[in-house]
Amino acid sequence: MALDIRTILDAVESHALASGFFQAVNGHEPKSAPQNGLTAAVWVEQIGPARGGAGLSSTSARLALFVRLYTPATSRSAAWSATSTSSAPTATRSAHAPAT
């Protein structure tokens, strides 16, 4: 019996998309940055025999999947700048406030 990797990847992609967290899910590493929303990419990183599952008549396989999340560069920079400007002054003032 052959290992049907495409069916396993399709199930993982389908599950990720159905979760509602991702605007798109790719079955490969994208060549360009996502245009908008959170994007997931899933691919097989490694295939090998599973420990303890091999014998003379059969072998159990182990698939290591790689999942990477991507966000558009414009949304990430806006989120970082908003976070850093709003929280930094408060942290600086409370850290240097004189004891009473």
C-alpha atoms as a PDB file:
ATOM      1  CA  MET A   1       0.000   0.000   0.000  1.00  0.00           C
ATOM      2  CA  ALA A   2       1.401   3.394  -0.996  1.00  0.00           C
ATOM      3  CA  LEU A   3       1.491   6.452   1.234  1.00  0.00           C
ATOM      4  CA  ASP A   4      -1.016   8.974  -0.119  1.00  0.00           C
ATOM      5  CA  ILE A   5       0.698  12.224   0.895  1.00  0.00           C
ATOM      6  CA  ARG A   6      -1.527  14.460  -1.253  1.00  0.00           C
ATOM      7  CA  THR A   7      -4.671  13.292   0.579  1.00  0.00           C
ATOM      8  CA  ILE A   8      -3.055  13.999   3.960  1.00  0.00           C
ATOM      9  CA  LEU A   9      -1.935  17.484   2.866  1.00  0.00           C
ATOM     10  CA  ASP A  10      -5.394  18.222   1.438  1.00  0.00           C
ATOM     11  CA  ALA A  11      -6.963  17.275   4.790  1.00  0.00           C
ATOM     12  CA  VAL A  12      -4.560  19.544   6.721  1.00  0.00           C
ATOM     13  CA  GLU A  13      -5.138  22.458   4.317  1.00  0.00           C
ATOM     14  CA  SER A  14      -8.894  21.946   4.452  1.00  0.00           C
ATOM     15  CA  HIS A  15      -8.878  21.855   8.264  1.00  0.00           C
ATOM     16  CA  ALA A  16      -6.808  25.053   8.478  1.00  0.00           C
ATOM     17  CA  LEU A  17      -9.098  26.877   6.045  1.00  0.00           C
ATOM     18  CA  ALA A  18     -12.250  25.670   7.838  1.00  0.00           C
ATOM     19  CA  SER A  19     -10.910  27.044  11.145  1.00  0.00           C
ATOM     20  CA  GLY A  20     -11.670  30.551   9.902  1.00  0.00           C
ATOM     21  CA  PHE A  21      -8.322  31.949  11.079  1.00  0.00           C
ATOM     22  CA  PHE A  22      -6.745  32.119   7.620  1.00  0.00           C
ATOM     23  CA  GLN A  23      -7.731  34.022   4.519  1.00  0.00           C
ATOM     24  CA  ALA A  24      -5.761  31.549   2.371  1.00  0.00           C
ATOM     25  CA  VAL A  25      -3.977  28.227   2.843  1.00  0.00           C
ATOM     26  CA  ASN A  26      -1.294  27.094   0.384  1.00  0.00           C
ATOM     27  CA  GLY A  27       0.032  23.593  -0.144  1.00  0.00           C
ATOM     28  CA  HIS A  28       3.507  25.004  -0.761  1.00  0.00           C
ATOM     29  CA  GLU A  29       5.753  27.841   0.324  1.00  0.00           C
ATOM     30  CA  PRO A  30       4.543  30.970  -1.497  1.00  0.00           C
ATOM     31  CA  LYS A  31       6.804  32.783  -3.946  1.00  0.00           C
ATOM     32  CA  SER A  32       5.340  36.199  -3.101  1.00  0.00           C
ATOM     33  CA  ALA A  33       4.050  37.900   0.040  1.00  0.00           C
ATOM     34  CA  PRO A  34       0.331  37.638   0.831  1.00  0.00           C
ATOM     35  CA  GLN A  35      -1.777  40.583  -0.263  1.00  0.00           C
ATOM     36  CA  ASN A  36      -4.054  40.747   2.791  1.00  0.00           C
ATOM     37  CA  GLY A  37      -5.068  38.711   5.803  1.00  0.00           C
ATOM     38  CA  LEU A  38      -3.336  35.845   7.557  1.00  0.00           C
ATOM     39  CA  THR A  39      -2.062  33.124   5.205  1.00  0.00           C
ATOM     40  CA  ALA A  40      -0.854  29.615   6.091  1.00  0.00           C
ATOM     41  CA  ALA A  41       1.455  27.448   4.015  1.00  0.00           C
ATOM     42  CA  VAL A  42       1.723  23.698   4.618  1.00  0.00           C
ATOM     43  CA  TRP A  43       4.190  21.262   3.083  1.00  0.00           C
ATOM     44  CA  VAL A  44       5.915  17.973   3.905  1.00  0.00           C
ATOM     45  CA  GLU A  45       9.278  18.600   5.529  1.00  0.00           C
ATOM     46  CA  GLN A  46      10.368  15.002   6.050  1.00  0.00           C
ATOM     47  CA  ILE A  47       9.140  11.462   5.384  1.00  0.00           C
ATOM     48  CA  GLY A  48      10.595   8.478   7.193  1.00  0.00           C
ATOM     49  CA  PRO A  49       9.819   5.281   9.065  1.00  0.00           C
ATOM     50  CA  ALA A  50       8.098   5.636  12.428  1.00  0.00           C
ATOM     51  CA  ARG A  51      10.010   4.277  15.410  1.00  0.00           C
ATOM     52  CA  GLY A  52       8.740   0.983  16.684  1.00  0.00           C
ATOM     53  CA  GLY A  53       6.397   0.515  13.739  1.00  0.00           C
ATOM     54  CA  ALA A  54       8.666  -1.328  11.320  1.00  0.00           C
ATOM     55  CA  GLY A  55       8.819  -5.050  10.723  1.00  0.00           C
ATOM     56  CA  LEU A  56       9.725  -7.504   7.995  1.00  0.00           C
ATOM     57  CA  SER A  57       6.317  -7.288   6.329  1.00  0.00           C
ATOM     58  CA  SER A  58       5.395  -3.628   6.835  1.00  0.00           C
ATOM     59  CA  THR A  59       6.616  -0.198   7.902  1.00  0.00           C
ATOM     60  CA  SER A  60       4.713   2.656   9.528  1.00  0.00           C
ATOM     61  CA  ALA A  61       5.529   6.061   8.089  1.00  0.00           C
ATOM     62  CA  ARG A  62       6.086   9.356   9.846  1.00  0.00           C
ATOM     63  CA  LEU A  63       5.313  12.630   8.063  1.00  0.00           C
ATOM     64  CA  ALA A  64       6.766  15.836   9.455  1.00  0.00           C
ATOM     65  CA  LEU A  65       4.697  18.749   8.174  1.00  0.00           C
ATOM     66  CA  PHE A  66       5.974  22.308   8.062  1.00  0.00           C
ATOM     67  CA  VAL A  67       3.387  25.024   8.672  1.00  0.00           C
ATOM     68  CA  ARG A  68       4.367  28.653   8.253  1.00  0.00           C
ATOM     69  CA  LEU A  69       2.122  31.678   8.834  1.00  0.00           C
ATOM     70  CA  TYR A  70       2.396  34.858   6.785  1.00  0.00           C
ATOM     71  CA  THR A  71       0.982  38.350   7.200  1.00  0.00           C
ATOM     72  CA  PRO A  72       1.270  41.282   4.799  1.00  0.00           C
ATOM     73  CA  ALA A  73       4.256  43.497   5.595  1.00  0.00           C
ATOM     74  CA  THR A  74       2.105  46.632   5.701  1.00  0.00           C
ATOM     75  CA  SER A  75      -0.262  45.322   8.376  1.00  0.00           C
ATOM     76  CA  ARG A  76       2.570  43.976  10.539  1.00  0.00           C
ATOM     77  CA  SER A  77       4.505  47.251  10.526  1.00  0.00           C
ATOM     78  CA  ALA A  78       1.374  49.215  11.406  1.00  0.00           C
ATOM     79  CA  ALA A  79       0.610  46.874  14.301  1.00  0.00           C
ATOM     80  CA  TRP A  80       4.182  47.044  15.622  1.00  0.00           C
ATOM     81  CA  SER A  81       4.363  50.835  15.477  1.00  0.00           C
ATOM     82  CA  ALA A  82       0.975  51.250  17.184  1.00  0.00           C
ATOM     83  CA  THR A  83       1.969  48.838  19.952  1.00  0.00           C
ATOM     84  CA  SER A  84       5.394  50.321  20.544  1.00  0.00           C
ATOM     85  CA  THR A  85       4.252  53.960  20.673  1.00  0.00           C
ATOM     86  CA  SER A  86       1.330  53.356  23.008  1.00  0.00           C
ATOM     87  CA  SER A  87       3.006  51.091  25.568  1.00  0.00           C
ATOM     88  CA  ALA A  88       6.584  52.417  25.703  1.00  0.00           C
ATOM     89  CA  PRO A  89       5.933  55.749  27.476  1.00  0.00           C
ATOM     90  CA  THR A  90       3.805  54.073  30.165  1.00  0.00           C
ATOM     91  CA  ALA A  91       6.474  51.448  30.847  1.00  0.00           C
ATOM     92  CA  THR A  92       9.197  54.120  30.999  1.00  0.00           C
ATOM     93  CA  ARG A  93       7.277  56.318  33.446  1.00  0.00           C
ATOM     94  CA  SER A  94       6.355  53.471  35.803  1.00  0.00           C
ATOM     95  CA  ALA A  95       9.898  52.086  35.775  1.00  0.00           C
ATOM     96  CA  HIS A  96      11.430  55.441  36.751  1.00  0.00           C
ATOM     97  CA  ALA A  97       8.763  56.736  39.108  1.00  0.00           C
ATOM     98  CA  PRO A  98      10.185  57.781  42.492  1.00  0.00           C
ATOM     99  CA  ALA A  99       9.176  55.710  45.509  1.00  0.00           C
ATOM    100  CA  THR A 100       6.866  57.499  47.939  1.00  0.00           C
END
